[in-house]
Amino acid sequence: MLPIYSYMISVVASALLVVNSCNHTKHFTYNQDQKITVDTSDCFPDRQNQDTVQVSAGTIEKAGDTYYIISVEGNRKYSPCNMPEACKTKGLNVQCVIIKKEIFPNERWFATPSMLQSISIKE
């Protein structure tokens, strides 16, 4: 009987560790209008630039493992390939300049593929 109890205890403990590890969130302290450094090297070199967009009010959202920006004024979604780690926080309010990239004819994207030129955090 003792081996069964120890086995059950180890299973419950393992389950608690897995559940607890999934609850970690990123905590950052931001100053008003904090500008974030962005790597501006082209991370979609095979796609043509389509347009440059100024997003004066946007929110960071997450779908699966991908972070994207929803523009408040136009309700557009952008999926920047160079999103800085400091901005990967769901619900974060940002202001940014985005270069929209080409979508190939055989593709469907949830959000427009894009590249950040600059981004700052808004409070």
C-alpha atoms as a PDB file:
ATOM      1  CA  MET A   1       0.000   0.000   0.000  1.00  0.00           C
ATOM      2  CA  LEU A   2       2.788   2.421   0.762  1.00  0.00           C
ATOM      3  CA  PRO A   3       4.138   2.519  -2.845  1.00  0.00           C
ATOM      4  CA  ILE A   4       0.681   3.471  -4.168  1.00  0.00           C
ATOM      5  CA  TYR A   5       0.399   6.423  -1.753  1.00  0.00           C
ATOM      6  CA  SER A   6       3.860   7.689  -2.587  1.00  0.00           C
ATOM      7  CA  TYR A   7       3.057   7.357  -6.299  1.00  0.00           C
ATOM      8  CA  MET A   8      -0.207   9.317  -5.861  1.00  0.00           C
ATOM      9  CA  ILE A   9       1.556  12.028  -3.877  1.00  0.00           C
ATOM     10  CA  SER A  10       4.246  12.415  -6.559  1.00  0.00           C
ATOM     11  CA  VAL A  11       1.572  12.643  -9.312  1.00  0.00           C
ATOM     12  CA  VAL A  12      -0.348  15.340  -7.413  1.00  0.00           C
ATOM     13  CA  ALA A  13       2.846  17.258  -6.649  1.00  0.00           C
ATOM     14  CA  SER A  14       3.893  17.106 -10.311  1.00  0.00           C
ATOM     15  CA  ALA A  15       0.474  18.333 -11.423  1.00  0.00           C
ATOM     16  CA  LEU A  16       0.652  21.255  -8.995  1.00  0.00           C
ATOM     17  CA  LEU A  17       4.103  22.211 -10.280  1.00  0.00           C
ATOM     18  CA  VAL A  18       2.918  22.162 -13.906  1.00  0.00           C
ATOM     19  CA  VAL A  19      -0.183  24.238 -13.142  1.00  0.00           C
ATOM     20  CA  ASN A  20       1.797  26.715 -11.065  1.00  0.00           C
ATOM     21  CA  SER A  21       4.498  27.139 -13.714  1.00  0.00           C
ATOM     22  CA  CYS A  22       1.877  28.177 -16.298  1.00  0.00           C
ATOM     23  CA  ASN A  23       0.754  31.124 -14.183  1.00  0.00           C
ATOM     24  CA  HIS A  24       3.921  33.205 -14.523  1.00  0.00           C
ATOM     25  CA  THR A  25       3.378  36.666 -15.969  1.00  0.00           C
ATOM     26  CA  LYS A  26       5.887  39.287 -17.004  1.00  0.00           C
ATOM     27  CA  HIS A  27       6.041  42.363 -14.820  1.00  0.00           C
ATOM     28  CA  PHE A  28       7.649  45.524 -16.117  1.00  0.00           C
ATOM     29  CA  THR A  29       7.713  49.029 -14.703  1.00  0.00           C
ATOM     30  CA  TYR A  30       7.201  51.633 -17.400  1.00  0.00           C
ATOM     31  CA  ASN A  31       7.677  55.365 -17.408  1.00  0.00           C
ATOM     32  CA  GLN A  32       5.185  57.550 -19.281  1.00  0.00           C
ATOM     33  CA  ASP A  33       5.871  57.291 -23.045  1.00  0.00           C
ATOM     34  CA  GLN A  34       8.891  55.003 -22.596  1.00  0.00           C
ATOM     35  CA  LYS A  35      10.646  54.430 -25.942  1.00  0.00           C
ATOM     36  CA  ILE A  36      11.870  50.896 -26.543  1.00  0.00           C
ATOM     37  CA  THR A  37      14.910  49.969 -28.652  1.00  0.00           C
ATOM     38  CA  VAL A  38      13.922  48.034 -31.786  1.00  0.00           C
ATOM     39  CA  ASP A  39      16.136  45.959 -34.087  1.00  0.00           C
ATOM     40  CA  THR A  40      15.263  47.537 -37.456  1.00  0.00           C
ATOM     41  CA  SER A  41      17.098  45.047 -39.669  1.00  0.00           C
ATOM     42  CA  ASP A  42      14.627  43.552 -42.158  1.00  0.00           C
ATOM     43  CA  CYS A  43      13.263  40.348 -40.643  1.00  0.00           C
ATOM     44  CA  PHE A  44      11.000  39.714 -43.673  1.00  0.00           C
ATOM     45  CA  PRO A  45      13.596  40.227 -46.450  1.00  0.00           C
ATOM     46  CA  ASP A  46      11.633  38.167 -48.990  1.00  0.00           C
ATOM     47  CA  ARG A  47       8.553  40.429 -48.698  1.00  0.00           C
ATOM     48  CA  GLN A  48       8.194  43.829 -50.350  1.00  0.00           C
ATOM     49  CA  ASN A  49       7.422  46.898 -48.239  1.00  0.00           C
ATOM     50  CA  GLN A  50       3.817  47.993 -48.855  1.00  0.00           C
ATOM     51  CA  ASP A  51       3.267  51.066 -46.707  1.00  0.00           C
ATOM     52  CA  THR A  52       4.429  52.854 -43.559  1.00  0.00           C
ATOM     53  CA  VAL A  53       1.788  53.325 -40.875  1.00  0.00           C
ATOM     54  CA  GLN A  54       1.823  55.537 -37.763  1.00  0.00           C
ATOM     55  CA  VAL A  55      -0.162  53.831 -34.994  1.00  0.00           C
ATOM     56  CA  SER A  56      -0.840  56.557 -32.437  1.00  0.00           C
ATOM     57  CA  ALA A  57      -2.838  54.264 -30.143  1.00  0.00           C
ATOM     58  CA  GLY A  58      -2.461  50.495 -30.158  1.00  0.00           C
ATOM     59  CA  THR A  59      -2.719  47.543 -27.809  1.00  0.00           C
ATOM     60  CA  ILE A  60      -0.533  44.433 -27.643  1.00  0.00           C
ATOM     61  CA  GLU A  61      -2.497  41.182 -27.884  1.00  0.00           C
ATOM     62  CA  LYS A  62      -1.474  37.546 -28.078  1.00  0.00           C
ATOM     63  CA  ALA A  63      -2.741  34.657 -30.205  1.00  0.00           C
ATOM     64  CA  GLY A  64      -0.970  31.379 -29.470  1.00  0.00           C
ATOM     65  CA  ASP A  65       2.731  32.239 -29.244  1.00  0.00           C
ATOM     66  CA  THR A  66       2.438  35.316 -31.473  1.00  0.00           C
ATOM     67  CA  TYR A  67       2.160  38.867 -30.194  1.00  0.00           C
ATOM     68  CA  TYR A  68       0.465  41.413 -32.420  1.00  0.00           C
ATOM     69  CA  ILE A  69      -0.665  45.047 -32.285  1.00  0.00           C
ATOM     70  CA  ILE A  70      -4.271  46.154 -32.659  1.00  0.00           C
ATOM     71  CA  SER A  71      -4.606  49.730 -33.863  1.00  0.00           C
ATOM     72  CA  VAL A  72      -7.312  51.463 -31.827  1.00  0.00           C
ATOM     73  CA  GLU A  73      -8.134  54.126 -34.441  1.00  0.00           C
ATOM     74  CA  GLY A  74      -8.523  51.789 -37.408  1.00  0.00           C
ATOM     75  CA  ASN A  75      -9.044  48.421 -35.712  1.00  0.00           C
ATOM     76  CA  ARG A  76      -6.205  46.987 -37.825  1.00  0.00           C
ATOM     77  CA  LYS A  77      -4.009  44.091 -36.693  1.00  0.00           C
ATOM     78  CA  TYR A  78      -0.251  44.029 -37.305  1.00  0.00           C
ATOM     79  CA  SER A  79       2.098  41.114 -36.666  1.00  0.00           C
ATOM     80  CA  PRO A  80       5.609  42.595 -36.355  1.00  0.00           C
ATOM     81  CA  CYS A  81       8.452  40.113 -36.782  1.00  0.00           C
ATOM     82  CA  ASN A  82      10.731  42.220 -34.571  1.00  0.00           C
ATOM     83  CA  MET A  83       8.570  42.740 -31.466  1.00  0.00           C
ATOM     84  CA  PRO A  84      10.932  43.587 -28.559  1.00  0.00           C
ATOM     85  CA  GLU A  85      10.756  41.353 -25.476  1.00  0.00           C
ATOM     86  CA  ALA A  86       9.883  44.383 -23.326  1.00  0.00           C
ATOM     87  CA  CYS A  87       6.651  44.797 -25.322  1.00  0.00           C
ATOM     88  CA  LYS A  88       5.483  41.194 -25.166  1.00  0.00           C
ATOM     89  CA  THR A  89       2.826  41.878 -22.557  1.00  0.00           C
ATOM     90  CA  LYS A  90      -0.835  41.389 -23.386  1.00  0.00           C
ATOM     91  CA  GLY A  91      -2.877  44.569 -22.900  1.00  0.00           C
ATOM     92  CA  LEU A  92       0.106  46.930 -23.098  1.00  0.00           C
ATOM     93  CA  ASN A  93      -0.746  50.290 -24.718  1.00  0.00           C
ATOM     94  CA  VAL A  94       1.748  51.400 -27.347  1.00  0.00           C
ATOM     95  CA  GLN A  95       2.445  53.960 -30.036  1.00  0.00           C
ATOM     96  CA  CYS A  96       4.520  52.815 -33.014  1.00  0.00           C
ATOM     97  CA  VAL A  97       5.623  53.205 -36.613  1.00  0.00           C
ATOM     98  CA  ILE A  98       5.130  50.056 -38.687  1.00  0.00           C
ATOM     99  CA  ILE A  99       6.208  49.035 -42.171  1.00  0.00           C
ATOM    100  CA  LYS A 100       3.499  46.816 -43.654  1.00  0.00           C
ATOM    101  CA  LYS A 101       4.941  43.891 -45.602  1.00  0.00           C
ATOM    102  CA  GLU A 102       3.618  42.015 -48.598  1.00  0.00           C
ATOM    103  CA  ILE A 103       1.177  39.113 -48.197  1.00  0.00           C
ATOM    104  CA  PHE A 104       1.725  36.511 -50.894  1.00  0.00           C
ATOM    105  CA  PRO A 105      -1.340  35.466 -52.964  1.00  0.00           C
ATOM    106  CA  ASN A 106      -1.439  31.933 -51.503  1.00  0.00           C
ATOM    107  CA  GLU A 107      -1.367  33.118 -47.849  1.00  0.00           C
ATOM    108  CA  ARG A 108      -3.896  34.110 -45.241  1.00  0.00           C
ATOM    109  CA  TRP A 109      -2.671  35.983 -42.162  1.00  0.00           C
ATOM    110  CA  PHE A 110      -4.514  36.738 -38.928  1.00  0.00           C
ATOM    111  CA  ALA A 111      -2.671  40.063 -38.792  1.00  0.00           C
ATOM    112  CA  THR A 112      -0.719  41.976 -41.437  1.00  0.00           C
ATOM    113  CA  PRO A 113       2.939  40.889 -41.544  1.00  0.00           C
ATOM    114  CA  SER A 114       4.975  43.906 -40.592  1.00  0.00           C
ATOM    115  CA  MET A 115       8.189  45.280 -39.154  1.00  0.00           C
ATOM    116  CA  LEU A 116       8.491  47.851 -36.367  1.00  0.00           C
ATOM    117  CA  GLN A 117      10.499  50.990 -37.040  1.00  0.00           C
ATOM    118  CA  SER A 118       9.874  52.396 -33.557  1.00  0.00           C
ATOM    119  CA  ILE A 119       7.670  51.682 -30.564  1.00  0.00           C
ATOM    120  CA  SER A 120       6.968  53.423 -27.267  1.00  0.00           C
ATOM    121  CA  ILE A 121       4.847  52.419 -24.324  1.00  0.00           C
ATOM    122  CA  LYS A 122       1.898  54.625 -23.417  1.00  0.00           C
ATOM    123  CA  GLU A 123       0.393  54.749 -19.953  1.00  0.00           C
END
